[in-house]
C-alpha cells in the first residue's frame, strides 16, 4: 500500500525497473509534486518526527510537503521497497556561496550495477532533477547540468555536487565562473538517530534556523513557485510574478502548492 500511495502522489503508475531511468523519473516527479516546506516549523511551531509512520501520514495521507530530513527519508524508504540499494547520506549545503560549518542536510545514495548515484529531492532550491553519478560525468537534462567532483580537502569519502549557473551548456563546464557548488556530501550512511538529532537542532530551540525563515518551494515543468518569508514568487518560461503573502498565506499554499495545513 505504501508504494502505491507514494507513486500515486508522484503521478506515476509504475517504475521502469531498478535503473538510472527510474531514479531520474522519481526525482523529477517528486520535485514536481511534493513541495519543500517548513510550515510546521515556522508557522505552526510543531516538532518534526522522522519515523516512517509520521512521514507517511504527513506527506502521503495529508498531501503535505516537508524539508530535507523528511523528504529524502521518505524517498529512501520508497527506493528500498522498490528493491534499490539506497541509504541516507550526510551533507553540508552551500548557501549564498558559503559552505555550512556542520552537516545540515540529508540526501540519498543509490548503488546500481553501473555505479553509485546521488539523488536529492529536499534542497528547497536549485537541485538536480535526476540522479547524478559519482564518476564525474557531466549530466545534462531539462536544460540543467550537474556533476560530482571528489572533495579531496575533506577526505576520500566526501564529494562536491556542482551545477552550471542558469541554463548553462556542457561546453561551459570548464569556465570557472559558471560553476556553482551546491553541497558537500559524504557517501557513508547517516544513522536515523543522527538525522533526528540534526533535524531537531535545525527546527527546534531558540537558535534553530528554520524557525526564522518561512520556505516553500515547488518545481514546475517550466519554472518554479516559491514563498520566502512574506513574498510569493512564480517564474514560468522566464516570466516572473511576485505577490505579497500578507493575510492570504493559506490561500496561496492551497492554490499554488496544494497544501492544506488544516487537513
C-alpha atoms as a PDB file:
ATOM      1  CA  UNK A   1       0.000   0.000   0.000  1.00  0.00           C
ATOM      2  CA  UNK A   2       2.882   2.377   0.822  1.00  0.00           C
ATOM      3  CA  UNK A   3       4.404   2.079  -2.648  1.00  0.00           C
ATOM      4  CA  UNK A   4       1.062   2.511  -4.402  1.00  0.00           C
ATOM      5  CA  UNK A   5       0.179   5.602  -2.351  1.00  0.00           C
ATOM      6  CA  UNK A   6       3.599   7.090  -2.985  1.00  0.00           C
ATOM      7  CA  UNK A   7       3.537   6.532  -6.739  1.00  0.00           C
ATOM      8  CA  UNK A   8       0.018   7.978  -6.886  1.00  0.00           C
ATOM      9  CA  UNK A   9       1.267  11.095  -5.087  1.00  0.00           C
ATOM     10  CA  UNK A  10       4.030  11.353  -7.677  1.00  0.00           C
ATOM     11  CA  UNK A  11       1.596  10.938 -10.576  1.00  0.00           C
ATOM     12  CA  UNK A  12       3.261   7.681 -11.610  1.00  0.00           C
ATOM     13  CA  UNK A  13       1.622   4.317 -12.251  1.00  0.00           C
ATOM     14  CA  UNK A  14       4.816   2.251 -12.244  1.00  0.00           C
ATOM     15  CA  UNK A  15       8.603   2.447 -12.043  1.00  0.00           C
ATOM     16  CA  UNK A  16      10.710   1.256 -15.002  1.00  0.00           C
ATOM     17  CA  UNK A  17      12.806  -1.300 -13.157  1.00  0.00           C
ATOM     18  CA  UNK A  18      15.877  -0.843 -10.988  1.00  0.00           C
ATOM     19  CA  UNK A  19      17.559   1.583 -13.354  1.00  0.00           C
ATOM     20  CA  UNK A  20      19.046   5.042 -13.721  1.00  0.00           C
ATOM     21  CA  UNK A  21      15.977   5.936 -15.799  1.00  0.00           C
ATOM     22  CA  UNK A  22      13.744   5.035 -12.866  1.00  0.00           C
ATOM     23  CA  UNK A  23      15.792   7.201 -10.478  1.00  0.00           C
ATOM     24  CA  UNK A  24      15.577  10.127 -12.887  1.00  0.00           C
ATOM     25  CA  UNK A  25      11.809   9.780 -13.226  1.00  0.00           C
ATOM     26  CA  UNK A  26      11.321   9.523  -9.471  1.00  0.00           C
ATOM     27  CA  UNK A  27      13.495  12.571  -8.735  1.00  0.00           C
ATOM     28  CA  UNK A  28      11.729  14.778 -11.272  1.00  0.00           C
ATOM     29  CA  UNK A  29       8.214  13.631 -10.347  1.00  0.00           C
ATOM     30  CA  UNK A  30       8.979  14.184  -6.663  1.00  0.00           C
ATOM     31  CA  UNK A  31      10.148  17.747  -7.235  1.00  0.00           C
ATOM     32  CA  UNK A  32       7.052  18.498  -9.347  1.00  0.00           C
ATOM     33  CA  UNK A  33       4.502  17.080  -6.935  1.00  0.00           C
ATOM     34  CA  UNK A  34       5.769  17.269  -3.351  1.00  0.00           C
ATOM     35  CA  UNK A  35       6.846  20.730  -2.148  1.00  0.00           C
ATOM     36  CA  UNK A  36       9.749  21.595   0.074  1.00  0.00           C
ATOM     37  CA  UNK A  37       8.164  23.448   3.018  1.00  0.00           C
ATOM     38  CA  UNK A  38       8.809  24.287   6.663  1.00  0.00           C
ATOM     39  CA  UNK A  39       5.295  25.450   7.605  1.00  0.00           C
ATOM     40  CA  UNK A  40       5.134  23.075  10.576  1.00  0.00           C
ATOM     41  CA  UNK A  41       8.266  24.685  11.995  1.00  0.00           C
ATOM     42  CA  UNK A  42       7.895  28.351  11.083  1.00  0.00           C
ATOM     43  CA  UNK A  43       4.130  28.887  11.291  1.00  0.00           C
ATOM     44  CA  UNK A  44       2.711  26.055  13.399  1.00  0.00           C
ATOM     45  CA  UNK A  45       5.641  25.571  15.833  1.00  0.00           C
ATOM     46  CA  UNK A  46       5.350  21.794  15.671  1.00  0.00           C
ATOM     47  CA  UNK A  47       8.049  19.143  16.146  1.00  0.00           C
ATOM     48  CA  UNK A  48       9.318  17.231  13.105  1.00  0.00           C
ATOM     49  CA  UNK A  49       9.306  13.468  13.756  1.00  0.00           C
ATOM     50  CA  UNK A  50      11.229  11.462  11.176  1.00  0.00           C
ATOM     51  CA  UNK A  51       9.854   7.972  11.802  1.00  0.00           C
ATOM     52  CA  UNK A  52       8.286   6.406   8.718  1.00  0.00           C
ATOM     53  CA  UNK A  53       4.774   6.305  10.194  1.00  0.00           C
ATOM     54  CA  UNK A  54       4.779  10.068  10.813  1.00  0.00           C
ATOM     55  CA  UNK A  55       6.271  10.847   7.389  1.00  0.00           C
ATOM     56  CA  UNK A  56       3.763   8.651   5.583  1.00  0.00           C
ATOM     57  CA  UNK A  57       0.852  10.244   7.429  1.00  0.00           C
ATOM     58  CA  UNK A  58       2.010  13.786   6.730  1.00  0.00           C
ATOM     59  CA  UNK A  59       3.286  13.572   3.160  1.00  0.00           C
ATOM     60  CA  UNK A  60       1.251  10.750   1.618  1.00  0.00           C
ATOM     61  CA  UNK A  61      -2.014  10.799   3.564  1.00  0.00           C
ATOM     62  CA  UNK A  62      -2.339  14.559   4.153  1.00  0.00           C
ATOM     63  CA  UNK A  63      -0.631  15.671   0.909  1.00  0.00           C
ATOM     64  CA  UNK A  64       1.851  17.891   2.704  1.00  0.00           C
ATOM     65  CA  UNK A  65       5.482  18.539   1.881  1.00  0.00           C
ATOM     66  CA  UNK A  66       8.462  18.741   4.185  1.00  0.00           C
ATOM     67  CA  UNK A  67      12.120  19.633   4.343  1.00  0.00           C
ATOM     68  CA  UNK A  68      15.238  17.621   3.532  1.00  0.00           C
ATOM     69  CA  UNK A  69      15.248  15.270   6.505  1.00  0.00           C
ATOM     70  CA  UNK A  70      11.613  14.402   5.831  1.00  0.00           C
ATOM     71  CA  UNK A  71      11.505  14.288   2.026  1.00  0.00           C
ATOM     72  CA  UNK A  72      14.730  12.387   1.465  1.00  0.00           C
ATOM     73  CA  UNK A  73      13.991   9.935   4.292  1.00  0.00           C
ATOM     74  CA  UNK A  74      10.626   9.074   2.762  1.00  0.00           C
ATOM     75  CA  UNK A  75      12.136   8.767  -0.720  1.00  0.00           C
ATOM     76  CA  UNK A  76      14.812   6.426   0.653  1.00  0.00           C
ATOM     77  CA  UNK A  77      12.112   4.191   2.117  1.00  0.00           C
ATOM     78  CA  UNK A  78      10.395   4.081  -1.276  1.00  0.00           C
ATOM     79  CA  UNK A  79      13.631   3.239  -3.088  1.00  0.00           C
ATOM     80  CA  UNK A  80      14.376   0.423  -0.664  1.00  0.00           C
ATOM     81  CA  UNK A  81      10.890  -1.040  -1.005  1.00  0.00           C
ATOM     82  CA  UNK A  82      11.209  -0.921  -4.771  1.00  0.00           C
ATOM     83  CA  UNK A  83      14.372  -3.006  -4.450  1.00  0.00           C
ATOM     84  CA  UNK A  84      17.098  -0.379  -4.839  1.00  0.00           C
ATOM     85  CA  UNK A  85      20.189  -0.469  -2.622  1.00  0.00           C
ATOM     86  CA  UNK A  86      19.762   3.007  -1.129  1.00  0.00           C
ATOM     87  CA  UNK A  87      20.841   4.800   2.044  1.00  0.00           C
ATOM     88  CA  UNK A  88      20.816   8.272   3.559  1.00  0.00           C
ATOM     89  CA  UNK A  89      23.983  10.369   3.460  1.00  0.00           C
ATOM     90  CA  UNK A  90      25.135  13.499   5.345  1.00  0.00           C
ATOM     91  CA  UNK A  91      25.647  16.789   3.530  1.00  0.00           C
ATOM     92  CA  UNK A  92      26.595  20.416   4.070  1.00  0.00           C
ATOM     93  CA  UNK A  93      24.714  22.908   1.912  1.00  0.00           C
ATOM     94  CA  UNK A  94      26.335  25.862   0.166  1.00  0.00           C
ATOM     95  CA  UNK A  95      24.142  28.925   0.780  1.00  0.00           C
ATOM     96  CA  UNK A  96      24.963  32.254  -0.869  1.00  0.00           C
ATOM     97  CA  UNK A  97      28.430  30.932  -1.648  1.00  0.00           C
ATOM     98  CA  UNK A  98      29.134  29.871   1.925  1.00  0.00           C
ATOM     99  CA  UNK A  99      29.552  26.234   2.937  1.00  0.00           C
ATOM    100  CA  UNK A 100      27.825  25.286   6.172  1.00  0.00           C
ATOM    101  CA  UNK A 101      30.232  24.642   9.042  1.00  0.00           C
ATOM    102  CA  UNK A 102      28.420  21.440  10.011  1.00  0.00           C
ATOM    103  CA  UNK A 103      26.162  18.786   8.490  1.00  0.00           C
ATOM    104  CA  UNK A 104      22.773  20.417   7.895  1.00  0.00           C
ATOM    105  CA  UNK A 105      21.265  18.293   5.132  1.00  0.00           C
ATOM    106  CA  UNK A 106      20.399  14.714   4.262  1.00  0.00           C
ATOM    107  CA  UNK A 107      20.490  13.342   0.700  1.00  0.00           C
ATOM    108  CA  UNK A 108      20.412   9.759  -0.645  1.00  0.00           C
ATOM    109  CA  UNK A 109      22.914   7.425  -2.260  1.00  0.00           C
ATOM    110  CA  UNK A 110      21.859   4.618  -4.606  1.00  0.00           C
ATOM    111  CA  UNK A 111      24.095   1.843  -5.892  1.00  0.00           C
ATOM    112  CA  UNK A 112      23.379   0.335  -9.310  1.00  0.00           C
ATOM    113  CA  UNK A 113      25.485  -2.178 -11.272  1.00  0.00           C
ATOM    114  CA  UNK A 114      26.984   0.714 -13.255  1.00  0.00           C
ATOM    115  CA  UNK A 115      27.972   2.717 -10.181  1.00  0.00           C
ATOM    116  CA  UNK A 116      26.754   4.987  -7.394  1.00  0.00           C
ATOM    117  CA  UNK A 117      24.425   7.952  -7.760  1.00  0.00           C
ATOM    118  CA  UNK A 118      23.346  10.800  -5.504  1.00  0.00           C
ATOM    119  CA  UNK A 119      19.632  11.662  -5.591  1.00  0.00           C
ATOM    120  CA  UNK A 120      18.121  14.611  -3.718  1.00  0.00           C
ATOM    121  CA  UNK A 121      14.535  15.883  -3.521  1.00  0.00           C
ATOM    122  CA  UNK A 122      14.903  18.107  -0.464  1.00  0.00           C
ATOM    123  CA  UNK A 123      17.204  21.030  -1.209  1.00  0.00           C
ATOM    124  CA  UNK A 124      14.387  23.537  -1.473  1.00  0.00           C
ATOM    125  CA  UNK A 125      16.016  25.412  -4.360  1.00  0.00           C
ATOM    126  CA  UNK A 126      18.305  24.541  -7.240  1.00  0.00           C
ATOM    127  CA  UNK A 127      18.745  20.759  -7.247  1.00  0.00           C
ATOM    128  CA  UNK A 128      19.275  18.146  -9.960  1.00  0.00           C
ATOM    129  CA  UNK A 129      16.033  16.812 -11.462  1.00  0.00           C
ATOM    130  CA  UNK A 130      17.820  13.495 -11.963  1.00  0.00           C
ATOM    131  CA  UNK A 131      20.274  11.153 -10.236  1.00  0.00           C
ATOM    132  CA  UNK A 132      23.897  12.285 -10.576  1.00  0.00           C
ATOM    133  CA  UNK A 133      26.692   9.690 -10.935  1.00  0.00           C
ATOM    134  CA  UNK A 134      29.729   9.822  -8.682  1.00  0.00           C
ATOM    135  CA  UNK A 135      32.109   9.122 -11.565  1.00  0.00           C
ATOM    136  CA  UNK A 136      32.358  12.787 -12.579  1.00  0.00           C
ATOM    137  CA  UNK A 137      30.196  12.540 -15.704  1.00  0.00           C
ATOM    138  CA  UNK A 138      28.665  15.898 -16.636  1.00  0.00           C
ATOM    139  CA  UNK A 139      24.937  15.178 -16.917  1.00  0.00           C
ATOM    140  CA  UNK A 140      22.515  17.435 -18.755  1.00  0.00           C
ATOM    141  CA  UNK A 141      18.746  17.018 -18.598  1.00  0.00           C
ATOM    142  CA  UNK A 142      15.925  19.550 -18.946  1.00  0.00           C
ATOM    143  CA  UNK A 143      18.481  22.260 -19.665  1.00  0.00           C
ATOM    144  CA  UNK A 144      20.305  21.747 -16.352  1.00  0.00           C
ATOM    145  CA  UNK A 145      23.856  20.453 -15.891  1.00  0.00           C
ATOM    146  CA  UNK A 146      25.134  18.777 -12.705  1.00  0.00           C
ATOM    147  CA  UNK A 147      28.166  16.685 -11.834  1.00  0.00           C
ATOM    148  CA  UNK A 148      30.157  15.365  -8.879  1.00  0.00           C
ATOM    149  CA  UNK A 149      33.820  16.003  -8.014  1.00  0.00           C
ATOM    150  CA  UNK A 150      35.976  14.494  -5.239  1.00  0.00           C
ATOM    151  CA  UNK A 151      36.391  16.852  -2.284  1.00  0.00           C
ATOM    152  CA  UNK A 152      39.972  15.846  -1.601  1.00  0.00           C
ATOM    153  CA  UNK A 153      40.437  18.552   1.021  1.00  0.00           C
ATOM    154  CA  UNK A 154      37.781  16.831   3.186  1.00  0.00           C
ATOM    155  CA  UNK A 155      38.865  13.207   2.743  1.00  0.00           C
ATOM    156  CA  UNK A 156      38.228  10.245   0.498  1.00  0.00           C
ATOM    157  CA  UNK A 157      34.543   9.790   1.358  1.00  0.00           C
ATOM    158  CA  UNK A 158      33.437  13.389   0.636  1.00  0.00           C
ATOM    159  CA  UNK A 159      32.356  14.842  -2.689  1.00  0.00           C
ATOM    160  CA  UNK A 160      31.120  18.105  -4.194  1.00  0.00           C
ATOM    161  CA  UNK A 161      27.840  18.328  -6.095  1.00  0.00           C
ATOM    162  CA  UNK A 162      28.187  21.155  -8.622  1.00  0.00           C
ATOM    163  CA  UNK A 163      25.993  22.721 -11.295  1.00  0.00           C
ATOM    164  CA  UNK A 164      26.218  25.225 -14.103  1.00  0.00           C
ATOM    165  CA  UNK A 165      24.741  28.611 -13.383  1.00  0.00           C
ATOM    166  CA  UNK A 166      21.373  29.177 -15.068  1.00  0.00           C
ATOM    167  CA  UNK A 167      20.684  27.281 -18.278  1.00  0.00           C
ATOM    168  CA  UNK A 168      24.331  26.550 -18.991  1.00  0.00           C
ATOM    169  CA  UNK A 169      25.672  24.203 -21.642  1.00  0.00           C
ATOM    170  CA  UNK A 170      28.052  21.300 -21.244  1.00  0.00           C
ATOM    171  CA  UNK A 171      30.673  23.324 -23.115  1.00  0.00           C
ATOM    172  CA  UNK A 172      30.643  25.844 -20.246  1.00  0.00           C
ATOM    173  CA  UNK A 173      31.767  23.363 -17.585  1.00  0.00           C
ATOM    174  CA  UNK A 174      35.402  24.415 -17.822  1.00  0.00           C
ATOM    175  CA  UNK A 175      34.539  28.070 -17.268  1.00  0.00           C
ATOM    176  CA  UNK A 176      35.069  28.541 -13.538  1.00  0.00           C
ATOM    177  CA  UNK A 177      32.668  31.479 -13.327  1.00  0.00           C
ATOM    178  CA  UNK A 178      29.814  29.239 -14.471  1.00  0.00           C
ATOM    179  CA  UNK A 179      30.417  26.537 -11.869  1.00  0.00           C
ATOM    180  CA  UNK A 180      28.356  26.690  -8.687  1.00  0.00           C
ATOM    181  CA  UNK A 181      28.925  24.309  -5.749  1.00  0.00           C
ATOM    182  CA  UNK A 182      25.597  23.075  -4.397  1.00  0.00           C
ATOM    183  CA  UNK A 183      26.620  20.907  -1.481  1.00  0.00           C
ATOM    184  CA  UNK A 184      29.377  18.823   0.044  1.00  0.00           C
ATOM    185  CA  UNK A 185      28.233  15.270   0.758  1.00  0.00           C
ATOM    186  CA  UNK A 186      29.562  12.076   2.247  1.00  0.00           C
ATOM    187  CA  UNK A 187      28.953   8.595   0.920  1.00  0.00           C
ATOM    188  CA  UNK A 188      28.767   6.711   4.224  1.00  0.00           C
ATOM    189  CA  UNK A 189      25.315   6.068   5.698  1.00  0.00           C
ATOM    190  CA  UNK A 190      24.000   8.545   8.250  1.00  0.00           C
ATOM    191  CA  UNK A 191      22.073   6.779  11.057  1.00  0.00           C
ATOM    192  CA  UNK A 192      18.403   7.603  11.614  1.00  0.00           C
ATOM    193  CA  UNK A 193      19.069   8.791  15.154  1.00  0.00           C
ATOM    194  CA  UNK A 194      21.730  11.207  13.878  1.00  0.00           C
ATOM    195  CA  UNK A 195      19.271  12.559  11.303  1.00  0.00           C
ATOM    196  CA  UNK A 196      16.724  13.171  14.060  1.00  0.00           C
ATOM    197  CA  UNK A 197      19.321  14.892  16.257  1.00  0.00           C
ATOM    198  CA  UNK A 198      20.416  17.251  13.468  1.00  0.00           C
ATOM    199  CA  UNK A 199      16.837  17.861  12.381  1.00  0.00           C
ATOM    200  CA  UNK A 200      15.885  18.824  15.942  1.00  0.00           C
ATOM    201  CA  UNK A 201      18.779  21.302  16.035  1.00  0.00           C
ATOM    202  CA  UNK A 202      17.594  22.881  12.788  1.00  0.00           C
ATOM    203  CA  UNK A 203      13.910  23.015  13.688  1.00  0.00           C
ATOM    204  CA  UNK A 204      13.652  23.407  17.467  1.00  0.00           C
ATOM    205  CA  UNK A 205      15.183  25.683  20.062  1.00  0.00           C
ATOM    206  CA  UNK A 206      15.879  29.427  20.119  1.00  0.00           C
ATOM    207  CA  UNK A 207      18.671  29.353  17.512  1.00  0.00           C
ATOM    208  CA  UNK A 208      17.098  26.865  15.074  1.00  0.00           C
ATOM    209  CA  UNK A 209      17.428  28.430  11.572  1.00  0.00           C
ATOM    210  CA  UNK A 210      14.123  27.145  10.203  1.00  0.00           C
ATOM    211  CA  UNK A 211      12.260  28.989  12.967  1.00  0.00           C
ATOM    212  CA  UNK A 212      13.316  32.289  11.393  1.00  0.00           C
ATOM    213  CA  UNK A 213      12.557  31.780   7.695  1.00  0.00           C
ATOM    214  CA  UNK A 214       9.388  30.558   6.000  1.00  0.00           C
ATOM    215  CA  UNK A 215      10.377  28.497   2.939  1.00  0.00           C
ATOM    216  CA  UNK A 216       8.121  26.806   0.403  1.00  0.00           C
ATOM    217  CA  UNK A 217       9.363  25.680  -3.000  1.00  0.00           C
ATOM    218  CA  UNK A 218       7.948  23.578  -5.824  1.00  0.00           C
ATOM    219  CA  UNK A 219       9.407  22.865  -9.254  1.00  0.00           C
ATOM    220  CA  UNK A 220       7.100  23.300 -12.258  1.00  0.00           C
ATOM    221  CA  UNK A 221       7.668  21.993 -15.803  1.00  0.00           C
ATOM    222  CA  UNK A 222       8.812  25.444 -16.923  1.00  0.00           C
ATOM    223  CA  UNK A 223       9.987  27.163 -13.764  1.00  0.00           C
ATOM    224  CA  UNK A 224       9.186  27.176 -10.063  1.00  0.00           C
ATOM    225  CA  UNK A 225       6.929  28.561  -7.338  1.00  0.00           C
ATOM    226  CA  UNK A 226       8.260  29.714  -4.004  1.00  0.00           C
ATOM    227  CA  UNK A 227       7.386  31.514  -0.803  1.00  0.00           C
ATOM    228  CA  UNK A 228      10.212  33.102   1.141  1.00  0.00           C
ATOM    229  CA  UNK A 229       9.001  34.691   4.366  1.00  0.00           C
ATOM    230  CA  UNK A 230       6.232  37.098   3.224  1.00  0.00           C
ATOM    231  CA  UNK A 231       6.820  37.057  -0.544  1.00  0.00           C
ATOM    232  CA  UNK A 232       5.433  34.669  -3.164  1.00  0.00           C
ATOM    233  CA  UNK A 233       7.372  34.269  -6.433  1.00  0.00           C
ATOM    234  CA  UNK A 234       6.395  32.353  -9.530  1.00  0.00           C
ATOM    235  CA  UNK A 235       8.727  32.014 -12.528  1.00  0.00           C
ATOM    236  CA  UNK A 236       7.271  30.415 -15.660  1.00  0.00           C
ATOM    237  CA  UNK A 237       9.105  30.423 -19.006  1.00  0.00           C
ATOM    238  CA  UNK A 238      11.291  33.263 -17.758  1.00  0.00           C
ATOM    239  CA  UNK A 239       8.339  35.450 -16.696  1.00  0.00           C
ATOM    240  CA  UNK A 240       8.393  36.400 -13.019  1.00  0.00           C
ATOM    241  CA  UNK A 241       5.333  37.106 -10.853  1.00  0.00           C
ATOM    242  CA  UNK A 242       5.695  38.457  -7.320  1.00  0.00           C
ATOM    243  CA  UNK A 243       2.937  38.752  -4.735  1.00  0.00           C
ATOM    244  CA  UNK A 244       2.894  39.745  -1.071  1.00  0.00           C
ATOM    245  CA  UNK A 245       1.775  36.934   1.190  1.00  0.00           C
ATOM    246  CA  UNK A 246       0.100  39.294   3.680  1.00  0.00           C
ATOM    247  CA  UNK A 247      -3.051  37.628   5.069  1.00  0.00           C
ATOM    248  CA  UNK A 248      -3.541  35.125   2.238  1.00  0.00           C
ATOM    249  CA  UNK A 249      -0.851  32.588   3.169  1.00  0.00           C
ATOM    250  CA  UNK A 250      -3.204  29.637   3.492  1.00  0.00           C
ATOM    251  CA  UNK A 251      -4.930  30.512   0.204  1.00  0.00           C
ATOM    252  CA  UNK A 252      -1.590  30.655  -1.621  1.00  0.00           C
ATOM    253  CA  UNK A 253      -0.439  27.409  -0.051  1.00  0.00           C
ATOM    254  CA  UNK A 254      -3.571  25.651  -1.272  1.00  0.00           C
ATOM    255  CA  UNK A 255      -3.934  27.272  -4.691  1.00  0.00           C
ATOM    256  CA  UNK A 256      -0.252  27.248  -5.716  1.00  0.00           C
ATOM    257  CA  UNK A 257       1.218  24.300  -3.774  1.00  0.00           C
ATOM    258  CA  UNK A 258      -1.732  22.030  -2.934  1.00  0.00           C
ATOM    259  CA  UNK A 259      -1.040  22.368   0.788  1.00  0.00           C
ATOM    260  CA  UNK A 260      -3.984  22.363   3.222  1.00  0.00           C
ATOM    261  CA  UNK A 261      -2.472  22.962   6.654  1.00  0.00           C
ATOM    262  CA  UNK A 262      -5.816  22.217   8.345  1.00  0.00           C
ATOM    263  CA  UNK A 263      -6.079  18.731   6.882  1.00  0.00           C
END
